[in-house]
Amino acid sequence: LREEALPMILGCDAAGHDEDGNEV
């Protein structure tokens, strides 16, 4: 991670809802 990219939200993995409400 480059310093110029900070502040950076961490996390690679996720599951949730897309813009149409589908589970993804």
mmCIF file of all heavy atoms, coordinates in Angstrom:
data_MODEL
# 
_entry.id   MODEL 
# 
loop_
_atom_site.group_PDB 
_atom_site.id 
_atom_site.type_symbol 
_atom_site.label_atom_id 
_atom_site.label_alt_id 
_atom_site.label_comp_id 
_atom_site.label_asym_id 
_atom_site.label_entity_id 
_atom_site.label_seq_id 
_atom_site.pdbx_PDB_ins_code 
_atom_site.Cartn_x 
_atom_site.Cartn_y 
_atom_site.Cartn_z 
_atom_site.occupancy 
_atom_site.B_iso_or_equiv 
_atom_site.pdbx_formal_charge 
_atom_site.auth_seq_id 
_atom_site.auth_comp_id 
_atom_site.auth_asym_id 
_atom_site.auth_atom_id 
_atom_site.pdbx_PDB_model_num 
ATOM 1   N N   . LEU A 1 1  ? 0.856   -1.192  0.000   1.00 0.00 ? 1  LEU A N   1 
ATOM 2   C CA  . LEU A 1 1  ? 0.000   0.000   0.000   1.00 0.00 ? 1  LEU A CA  1 
ATOM 3   C C   . LEU A 1 1  ? 0.886   1.234   0.000   1.00 0.00 ? 1  LEU A C   1 
ATOM 4   O O   . LEU A 1 1  ? 1.789   1.367   0.830   1.00 0.00 ? 1  LEU A O   1 
ATOM 5   C CB  . LEU A 1 1  ? -0.914  -0.018  1.230   1.00 0.00 ? 1  LEU A CB  1 
ATOM 6   C CG  . LEU A 1 1  ? -1.913  1.129   1.394   1.00 0.00 ? 1  LEU A CG  1 
ATOM 7   C CD1 . LEU A 1 1  ? -2.867  1.205   0.211   1.00 0.00 ? 1  LEU A CD1 1 
ATOM 8   C CD2 . LEU A 1 1  ? -2.708  0.949   2.696   1.00 0.00 ? 1  LEU A CD2 1 
ATOM 9   N N   . ARG A 1 2  ? 0.610   2.130   -0.958  1.00 0.00 ? 2  ARG A N   1 
ATOM 10  C CA  . ARG A 1 2  ? 1.434   3.338   -1.082  1.00 0.00 ? 2  ARG A CA  1 
ATOM 11  C C   . ARG A 1 2  ? 0.925   4.435   -0.142  1.00 0.00 ? 2  ARG A C   1 
ATOM 12  O O   . ARG A 1 2  ? -0.286  4.564   0.066   1.00 0.00 ? 2  ARG A O   1 
ATOM 13  C CB  . ARG A 1 2  ? 1.400   3.844   -2.520  1.00 0.00 ? 2  ARG A CB  1 
ATOM 14  C CG  . ARG A 1 2  ? 2.036   2.898   -3.535  1.00 0.00 ? 2  ARG A CG  1 
ATOM 15  C CD  . ARG A 1 2  ? 1.841   3.380   -4.964  1.00 0.00 ? 2  ARG A CD  1 
ATOM 16  N NE  . ARG A 1 2  ? 0.436   3.308   -5.365  1.00 0.00 ? 2  ARG A NE  1 
ATOM 17  C CZ  . ARG A 1 2  ? -0.356  4.347   -5.523  1.00 0.00 ? 2  ARG A CZ  1 
ATOM 18  N NH1 . ARG A 1 2  ? 0.104   5.567   -5.333  1.00 0.00 ? 2  ARG A NH1 1 
ATOM 19  N NH2 . ARG A 1 2  ? -1.602  4.184   -5.897  1.00 0.00 ? 2  ARG A NH2 1 
ATOM 20  N N   . GLU A 1 3  ? 1.849   5.207   0.386   1.00 0.00 ? 3  GLU A N   1 
ATOM 21  C CA  . GLU A 1 3  ? 1.468   6.246   1.334   1.00 0.00 ? 3  GLU A CA  1 
ATOM 22  C C   . GLU A 1 3  ? 0.540   7.276   0.697   1.00 0.00 ? 3  GLU A C   1 
ATOM 23  O O   . GLU A 1 3  ? -0.359  7.798   1.353   1.00 0.00 ? 3  GLU A O   1 
ATOM 24  C CB  . GLU A 1 3  ? 2.718   6.928   1.889   1.00 0.00 ? 3  GLU A CB  1 
ATOM 25  C CG  . GLU A 1 3  ? 2.433   7.873   3.037   1.00 0.00 ? 3  GLU A CG  1 
ATOM 26  C CD  . GLU A 1 3  ? 3.695   8.316   3.752   1.00 0.00 ? 3  GLU A CD  1 
ATOM 27  O OE1 . GLU A 1 3  ? 4.794   7.928   3.315   1.00 0.00 ? 3  GLU A OE1 1 
ATOM 28  O OE2 . GLU A 1 3  ? 3.569   9.046   4.756   1.00 0.00 ? 3  GLU A OE2 1 
ATOM 29  N N   . GLU A 1 4  ? 0.754   7.535   -0.612  1.00 0.00 ? 4  GLU A N   1 
ATOM 30  C CA  . GLU A 1 4  ? -0.092  8.538   -1.269  1.00 0.00 ? 4  GLU A CA  1 
ATOM 31  C C   . GLU A 1 4  ? -1.535  8.071   -1.444  1.00 0.00 ? 4  GLU A C   1 
ATOM 32  O O   . GLU A 1 4  ? -2.415  8.870   -1.781  1.00 0.00 ? 4  GLU A O   1 
ATOM 33  C CB  . GLU A 1 4  ? 0.497   8.938   -2.627  1.00 0.00 ? 4  GLU A CB  1 
ATOM 34  C CG  . GLU A 1 4  ? 0.779   7.796   -3.568  1.00 0.00 ? 4  GLU A CG  1 
ATOM 35  C CD  . GLU A 1 4  ? 2.204   7.306   -3.477  1.00 0.00 ? 4  GLU A CD  1 
ATOM 36  O OE1 . GLU A 1 4  ? 2.787   7.360   -2.369  1.00 0.00 ? 4  GLU A OE1 1 
ATOM 37  O OE2 . GLU A 1 4  ? 2.740   6.869   -4.509  1.00 0.00 ? 4  GLU A OE2 1 
ATOM 38  N N   . ALA A 1 5  ? -1.797  6.760   -1.226  1.00 0.00 ? 5  ALA A N   1 
ATOM 39  C CA  . ALA A 1 5  ? -3.160  6.235   -1.325  1.00 0.00 ? 5  ALA A CA  1 
ATOM 40  C C   . ALA A 1 5  ? -3.947  6.411   -0.028  1.00 0.00 ? 5  ALA A C   1 
ATOM 41  O O   . ALA A 1 5  ? -5.163  6.185   -0.003  1.00 0.00 ? 5  ALA A O   1 
ATOM 42  C CB  . ALA A 1 5  ? -3.140  4.758   -1.706  1.00 0.00 ? 5  ALA A CB  1 
ATOM 43  N N   . LEU A 1 6  ? -3.260  6.807   1.057   1.00 0.00 ? 6  LEU A N   1 
ATOM 44  C CA  . LEU A 1 6  ? -3.928  6.977   2.347   1.00 0.00 ? 6  LEU A CA  1 
ATOM 45  C C   . LEU A 1 6  ? -4.786  8.230   2.369   1.00 0.00 ? 6  LEU A C   1 
ATOM 46  O O   . LEU A 1 6  ? -4.478  9.206   1.680   1.00 0.00 ? 6  LEU A O   1 
ATOM 47  C CB  . LEU A 1 6  ? -2.874  7.050   3.453   1.00 0.00 ? 6  LEU A CB  1 
ATOM 48  C CG  . LEU A 1 6  ? -2.016  5.794   3.644   1.00 0.00 ? 6  LEU A CG  1 
ATOM 49  C CD1 . LEU A 1 6  ? -0.959  6.043   4.716   1.00 0.00 ? 6  LEU A CD1 1 
ATOM 50  C CD2 . LEU A 1 6  ? -2.856  4.586   3.989   1.00 0.00 ? 6  LEU A CD2 1 
ATOM 51  N N   . PRO A 1 7  ? -5.854  8.239   3.159   1.00 0.00 ? 7  PRO A N   1 
ATOM 52  C CA  . PRO A 1 7  ? -6.387  7.129   3.957   1.00 0.00 ? 7  PRO A CA  1 
ATOM 53  C C   . PRO A 1 7  ? -7.058  6.074   3.069   1.00 0.00 ? 7  PRO A C   1 
ATOM 54  O O   . PRO A 1 7  ? -7.714  6.423   2.086   1.00 0.00 ? 7  PRO A O   1 
ATOM 55  C CB  . PRO A 1 7  ? -7.391  7.796   4.887   1.00 0.00 ? 7  PRO A CB  1 
ATOM 56  C CG  . PRO A 1 7  ? -7.816  9.028   4.165   1.00 0.00 ? 7  PRO A CG  1 
ATOM 57  C CD  . PRO A 1 7  ? -6.631  9.482   3.366   1.00 0.00 ? 7  PRO A CD  1 
ATOM 58  N N   . MET A 1 8  ? -6.873  4.804   3.421   1.00 0.00 ? 8  MET A N   1 
ATOM 59  C CA  . MET A 1 8  ? -7.403  3.699   2.626   1.00 0.00 ? 8  MET A CA  1 
ATOM 60  C C   . MET A 1 8  ? -8.325  2.827   3.476   1.00 0.00 ? 8  MET A C   1 
ATOM 61  O O   . MET A 1 8  ? -7.920  2.349   4.537   1.00 0.00 ? 8  MET A O   1 
ATOM 62  C CB  . MET A 1 8  ? -6.257  2.845   2.079   1.00 0.00 ? 8  MET A CB  1 
ATOM 63  C CG  . MET A 1 8  ? -6.690  1.584   1.347   1.00 0.00 ? 8  MET A CG  1 
ATOM 64  S SD  . MET A 1 8  ? -7.720  1.906   -0.139  1.00 0.00 ? 8  MET A SD  1 
ATOM 65  C CE  . MET A 1 8  ? -6.464  2.570   -1.258  1.00 0.00 ? 8  MET A CE  1 
ATOM 66  N N   . ILE A 1 9  ? -9.539  2.635   2.991   1.00 0.00 ? 9  ILE A N   1 
ATOM 67  C CA  . ILE A 1 9  ? -10.442 1.675   3.633   1.00 0.00 ? 9  ILE A CA  1 
ATOM 68  C C   . ILE A 1 9  ? -9.899  0.276   3.383   1.00 0.00 ? 9  ILE A C   1 
ATOM 69  O O   . ILE A 1 9  ? -9.576  -0.089  2.254   1.00 0.00 ? 9  ILE A O   1 
ATOM 70  C CB  . ILE A 1 9  ? -11.873 1.812   3.083   1.00 0.00 ? 9  ILE A CB  1 
ATOM 71  C CG1 . ILE A 1 9  ? -12.428 3.209   3.390   1.00 0.00 ? 9  ILE A CG1 1 
ATOM 72  C CG2 . ILE A 1 9  ? -12.785 0.736   3.679   1.00 0.00 ? 9  ILE A CG2 1 
ATOM 73  C CD1 . ILE A 1 9  ? -13.769 3.495   2.735   1.00 0.00 ? 9  ILE A CD1 1 
ATOM 74  N N   . LEU A 1 10 ? -9.763  -0.498  4.439   1.00 0.00 ? 10 LEU A N   1 
ATOM 75  C CA  . LEU A 1 10 ? -9.200  -1.839  4.346   1.00 0.00 ? 10 LEU A CA  1 
ATOM 76  C C   . LEU A 1 10 ? -10.269 -2.853  3.944   1.00 0.00 ? 10 LEU A C   1 
ATOM 77  O O   . LEU A 1 10 ? -11.443 -2.531  3.854   1.00 0.00 ? 10 LEU A O   1 
ATOM 78  C CB  . LEU A 1 10 ? -8.566  -2.227  5.682   1.00 0.00 ? 10 LEU A CB  1 
ATOM 79  C CG  . LEU A 1 10 ? -7.466  -1.283  6.176   1.00 0.00 ? 10 LEU A CG  1 
ATOM 80  C CD1 . LEU A 1 10 ? -7.017  -1.666  7.579   1.00 0.00 ? 10 LEU A CD1 1 
ATOM 81  C CD2 . LEU A 1 10 ? -6.288  -1.285  5.214   1.00 0.00 ? 10 LEU A CD2 1 
ATOM 82  N N   . GLY A 1 11 ? -9.824  -4.083  3.701   1.00 0.00 ? 11 GLY A N   1 
ATOM 83  C CA  . GLY A 1 11 ? -10.756 -5.163  3.389   1.00 0.00 ? 11 GLY A CA  1 
ATOM 84  C C   . GLY A 1 11 ? -10.780 -5.531  1.926   1.00 0.00 ? 11 GLY A C   1 
ATOM 85  O O   . GLY A 1 11 ? -10.912 -4.670  1.054   1.00 0.00 ? 11 GLY A O   1 
ATOM 86  N N   . CYS A 1 12 ? -10.621 -6.843  1.658   1.00 0.00 ? 12 CYS A N   1 
ATOM 87  C CA  . CYS A 1 12 ? -10.712 -7.372  0.292   1.00 0.00 ? 12 CYS A CA  1 
ATOM 88  C C   . CYS A 1 12 ? -12.027 -8.100  0.047   1.00 0.00 ? 12 CYS A C   1 
ATOM 89  O O   . CYS A 1 12 ? -12.502 -8.148  -1.084  1.00 0.00 ? 12 CYS A O   1 
ATOM 90  C CB  . CYS A 1 12 ? -9.565  -8.355  0.028   1.00 0.00 ? 12 CYS A CB  1 
ATOM 91  S SG  . CYS A 1 12 ? -7.913  -7.706  0.275   1.00 0.00 ? 12 CYS A SG  1 
ATOM 92  N N   . ASP A 1 13 ? -12.573 -8.699  1.102   1.00 0.00 ? 13 ASP A N   1 
ATOM 93  C CA  . ASP A 1 13 ? -13.698 -9.630  0.956   1.00 0.00 ? 13 ASP A CA  1 
ATOM 94  C C   . ASP A 1 13 ? -15.001 -9.014  1.423   1.00 0.00 ? 13 ASP A C   1 
ATOM 95  O O   . ASP A 1 13 ? -15.034 -8.321  2.448   1.00 0.00 ? 13 ASP A O   1 
ATOM 96  C CB  . ASP A 1 13 ? -13.451 -10.881 1.804   1.00 0.00 ? 13 ASP A CB  1 
ATOM 97  C CG  . ASP A 1 13 ? -12.222 -11.660 1.395   1.00 0.00 ? 13 ASP A CG  1 
ATOM 98  O OD1 . ASP A 1 13 ? -11.655 -11.342 0.341   1.00 0.00 ? 13 ASP A OD1 1 
ATOM 99  O OD2 . ASP A 1 13 ? -11.845 -12.583 2.132   1.00 0.00 ? 13 ASP A OD2 1 
ATOM 100 N N   . ALA A 1 14 ? -16.073 -9.324  0.706   1.00 0.00 ? 14 ALA A N   1 
ATOM 101 C CA  . ALA A 1 14 ? -17.392 -8.852  1.140   1.00 0.00 ? 14 ALA A CA  1 
ATOM 102 C C   . ALA A 1 14 ? -18.496 -9.629  0.454   1.00 0.00 ? 14 ALA A C   1 
ATOM 103 O O   . ALA A 1 14 ? -18.321 -10.165 -0.649  1.00 0.00 ? 14 ALA A O   1 
ATOM 104 C CB  . ALA A 1 14 ? -17.559 -7.358  0.853   1.00 0.00 ? 14 ALA A CB  1 
ATOM 105 N N   . ALA A 1 15 ? -19.631 -9.666  1.118   1.00 0.00 ? 15 ALA A N   1 
ATOM 106 C CA  . ALA A 1 15 ? -20.879 -10.139 0.528   1.00 0.00 ? 15 ALA A CA  1 
ATOM 107 C C   . ALA A 1 15 ? -21.968 -9.157  0.940   1.00 0.00 ? 15 ALA A C   1 
ATOM 108 O O   . ALA A 1 15 ? -21.914 -8.571  2.023   1.00 0.00 ? 15 ALA A O   1 
ATOM 109 C CB  . ALA A 1 15 ? -21.209 -11.551 1.008   1.00 0.00 ? 15 ALA A CB  1 
ATOM 110 N N   . GLY A 1 16 ? -22.936 -8.972  0.048   1.00 0.00 ? 16 GLY A N   1 
ATOM 111 C CA  . GLY A 1 16 ? -23.995 -8.008  0.341   1.00 0.00 ? 16 GLY A CA  1 
ATOM 112 C C   . GLY A 1 16 ? -25.006 -7.953  -0.770  1.00 0.00 ? 16 GLY A C   1 
ATOM 113 O O   . GLY A 1 16 ? -25.254 -8.954  -1.458  1.00 0.00 ? 16 GLY A O   1 
ATOM 114 N N   . HIS A 1 17 ? -25.594 -6.775  -0.958  1.00 0.00 ? 17 HIS A N   1 
ATOM 115 C CA  . HIS A 1 17 ? -26.620 -6.586  -1.980  1.00 0.00 ? 17 HIS A CA  1 
ATOM 116 C C   . HIS A 1 17 ? -26.110 -5.644  -3.067  1.00 0.00 ? 17 HIS A C   1 
ATOM 117 O O   . HIS A 1 17 ? -25.487 -4.622  -2.764  1.00 0.00 ? 17 HIS A O   1 
ATOM 118 C CB  . HIS A 1 17 ? -27.891 -5.983  -1.370  1.00 0.00 ? 17 HIS A CB  1 
ATOM 119 C CG  . HIS A 1 17 ? -28.603 -6.904  -0.426  1.00 0.00 ? 17 HIS A CG  1 
ATOM 120 N ND1 . HIS A 1 17 ? -28.568 -6.742  0.948   1.00 0.00 ? 17 HIS A ND1 1 
ATOM 121 C CD2 . HIS A 1 17 ? -29.360 -8.010  -0.663  1.00 0.00 ? 17 HIS A CD2 1 
ATOM 122 C CE1 . HIS A 1 17 ? -29.287 -7.690  1.512   1.00 0.00 ? 17 HIS A CE1 1 
ATOM 123 N NE2 . HIS A 1 17 ? -29.770 -8.476  0.563   1.00 0.00 ? 17 HIS A NE2 1 
ATOM 124 N N   . ASP A 1 18 ? -26.373 -6.008  -4.341  1.00 0.00 ? 18 ASP A N   1 
ATOM 125 C CA  . ASP A 1 18 ? -26.038 -5.083  -5.425  1.00 0.00 ? 18 ASP A CA  1 
ATOM 126 C C   . ASP A 1 18 ? -27.106 -4.006  -5.537  1.00 0.00 ? 18 ASP A C   1 
ATOM 127 O O   . ASP A 1 18 ? -28.044 -3.949  -4.728  1.00 0.00 ? 18 ASP A O   1 
ATOM 128 C CB  . ASP A 1 18 ? -25.821 -5.842  -6.741  1.00 0.00 ? 18 ASP A CB  1 
ATOM 129 C CG  . ASP A 1 18 ? -27.091 -6.478  -7.294  1.00 0.00 ? 18 ASP A CG  1 
ATOM 130 O OD1 . ASP A 1 18 ? -28.208 -6.181  -6.788  1.00 0.00 ? 18 ASP A OD1 1 
ATOM 131 O OD2 . ASP A 1 18 ? -26.987 -7.270  -8.251  1.00 0.00 ? 18 ASP A OD2 1 
ATOM 132 N N   . GLU A 1 19 ? -26.974 -3.150  -6.535  1.00 0.00 ? 19 GLU A N   1 
ATOM 133 C CA  . GLU A 1 19 ? -27.882 -2.017  -6.648  1.00 0.00 ? 19 GLU A CA  1 
ATOM 134 C C   . GLU A 1 19 ? -29.324 -2.430  -6.926  1.00 0.00 ? 19 GLU A C   1 
ATOM 135 O O   . GLU A 1 19 ? -30.259 -1.646  -6.713  1.00 0.00 ? 19 GLU A O   1 
ATOM 136 C CB  . GLU A 1 19 ? -27.379 -1.088  -7.757  1.00 0.00 ? 19 GLU A CB  1 
ATOM 137 C CG  . GLU A 1 19 ? -26.068 -0.396  -7.389  1.00 0.00 ? 19 GLU A CG  1 
ATOM 138 C CD  . GLU A 1 19 ? -25.517 0.428   -8.542  1.00 0.00 ? 19 GLU A CD  1 
ATOM 139 O OE1 . GLU A 1 19 ? -25.873 0.143   -9.703  1.00 0.00 ? 19 GLU A OE1 1 
ATOM 140 O OE2 . GLU A 1 19 ? -24.731 1.357   -8.272  1.00 0.00 ? 19 GLU A OE2 1 
ATOM 141 N N   . ASP A 1 20 ? -29.533 -3.674  -7.418  1.00 0.00 ? 20 ASP A N   1 
ATOM 142 C CA  . ASP A 1 20 ? -30.880 -4.181  -7.678  1.00 0.00 ? 20 ASP A CA  1 
ATOM 143 C C   . ASP A 1 20 ? -31.404 -5.037  -6.539  1.00 0.00 ? 20 ASP A C   1 
ATOM 144 O O   . ASP A 1 20 ? -32.476 -5.642  -6.663  1.00 0.00 ? 20 ASP A O   1 
ATOM 145 C CB  . ASP A 1 20 ? -30.891 -4.997  -8.977  1.00 0.00 ? 20 ASP A CB  1 
ATOM 146 C CG  . ASP A 1 20 ? -30.523 -4.159  -10.195 1.00 0.00 ? 20 ASP A CG  1 
ATOM 147 O OD1 . ASP A 1 20 ? -30.968 -2.993  -10.252 1.00 0.00 ? 20 ASP A OD1 1 
ATOM 148 O OD2 . ASP A 1 20 ? -29.786 -4.658  -11.066 1.00 0.00 ? 20 ASP A OD2 1 
ATOM 149 N N   . GLY A 1 21 ? -30.646 -5.121  -5.446  1.00 0.00 ? 21 GLY A N   1 
ATOM 150 C CA  . GLY A 1 21 ? -31.086 -5.892  -4.297  1.00 0.00 ? 21 GLY A CA  1 
ATOM 151 C C   . GLY A 1 21 ? -30.719 -7.360  -4.338  1.00 0.00 ? 21 GLY A C   1 
ATOM 152 O O   . GLY A 1 21 ? -31.113 -8.117  -3.442  1.00 0.00 ? 21 GLY A O   1 
ATOM 153 N N   . ASN A 1 22 ? -29.960 -7.781  -5.364  1.00 0.00 ? 22 ASN A N   1 
ATOM 154 C CA  . ASN A 1 22 ? -29.548 -9.178  -5.444  1.00 0.00 ? 22 ASN A CA  1 
ATOM 155 C C   . ASN A 1 22 ? -28.447 -9.477  -4.431  1.00 0.00 ? 22 ASN A C   1 
ATOM 156 O O   . ASN A 1 22 ? -27.599 -8.623  -4.159  1.00 0.00 ? 22 ASN A O   1 
ATOM 157 C CB  . ASN A 1 22 ? -29.028 -9.495  -6.848  1.00 0.00 ? 22 ASN A CB  1 
ATOM 158 C CG  . ASN A 1 22 ? -30.071 -9.260  -7.923  1.00 0.00 ? 22 ASN A CG  1 
ATOM 159 O OD1 . ASN A 1 22 ? -31.175 -9.790  -7.855  1.00 0.00 ? 22 ASN A OD1 1 
ATOM 160 N ND2 . ASN A 1 22 ? -29.735 -8.440  -8.909  1.00 0.00 ? 22 ASN A ND2 1 
ATOM 161 N N   . GLU A 1 23 ? -28.435 -10.701 -3.902  1.00 0.00 ? 23 GLU A N   1 
ATOM 162 C CA  . GLU A 1 23 ? -27.391 -11.124 -2.979  1.00 0.00 ? 23 GLU A CA  1 
ATOM 163 C C   . GLU A 1 23 ? -26.158 -11.528 -3.777  1.00 0.00 ? 23 GLU A C   1 
ATOM 164 O O   . GLU A 1 23 ? -26.242 -12.375 -4.673  1.00 0.00 ? 23 GLU A O   1 
ATOM 165 C CB  . GLU A 1 23 ? -27.883 -12.288 -2.107  1.00 0.00 ? 23 GLU A CB  1 
ATOM 166 C CG  . GLU A 1 23 ? -29.054 -11.888 -1.224  1.00 0.00 ? 23 GLU A CG  1 
ATOM 167 C CD  . GLU A 1 23 ? -29.488 -12.998 -0.282  1.00 0.00 ? 23 GLU A CD  1 
ATOM 168 O OE1 . GLU A 1 23 ? -28.962 -14.126 -0.388  1.00 0.00 ? 23 GLU A OE1 1 
ATOM 169 O OE2 . GLU A 1 23 ? -30.355 -12.732 0.579   1.00 0.00 ? 23 GLU A OE2 1 
ATOM 170 N N   . VAL A 1 24 ? -25.015 -10.940 -3.447  1.00 0.00 ? 24 VAL A N   1 
ATOM 171 C CA  . VAL A 1 24 ? -23.807 -11.132 -4.268  1.00 0.00 ? 24 VAL A CA  1 
ATOM 172 C C   . VAL A 1 24 ? -22.578 -11.303 -3.391  1.00 0.00 ? 24 VAL A C   1 
ATOM 173 O O   . VAL A 1 24 ? -22.554 -10.946 -2.211  1.00 0.00 ? 24 VAL A O   1 
ATOM 174 C CB  . VAL A 1 24 ? -23.592 -9.938  -5.225  1.00 0.00 ? 24 VAL A CB  1 
ATOM 175 C CG1 . VAL A 1 24 ? -24.749 -9.809  -6.209  1.00 0.00 ? 24 VAL A CG1 1 
ATOM 176 C CG2 . VAL A 1 24 ? -23.396 -8.633  -4.446  1.00 0.00 ? 24 VAL A CG2 1 
# 
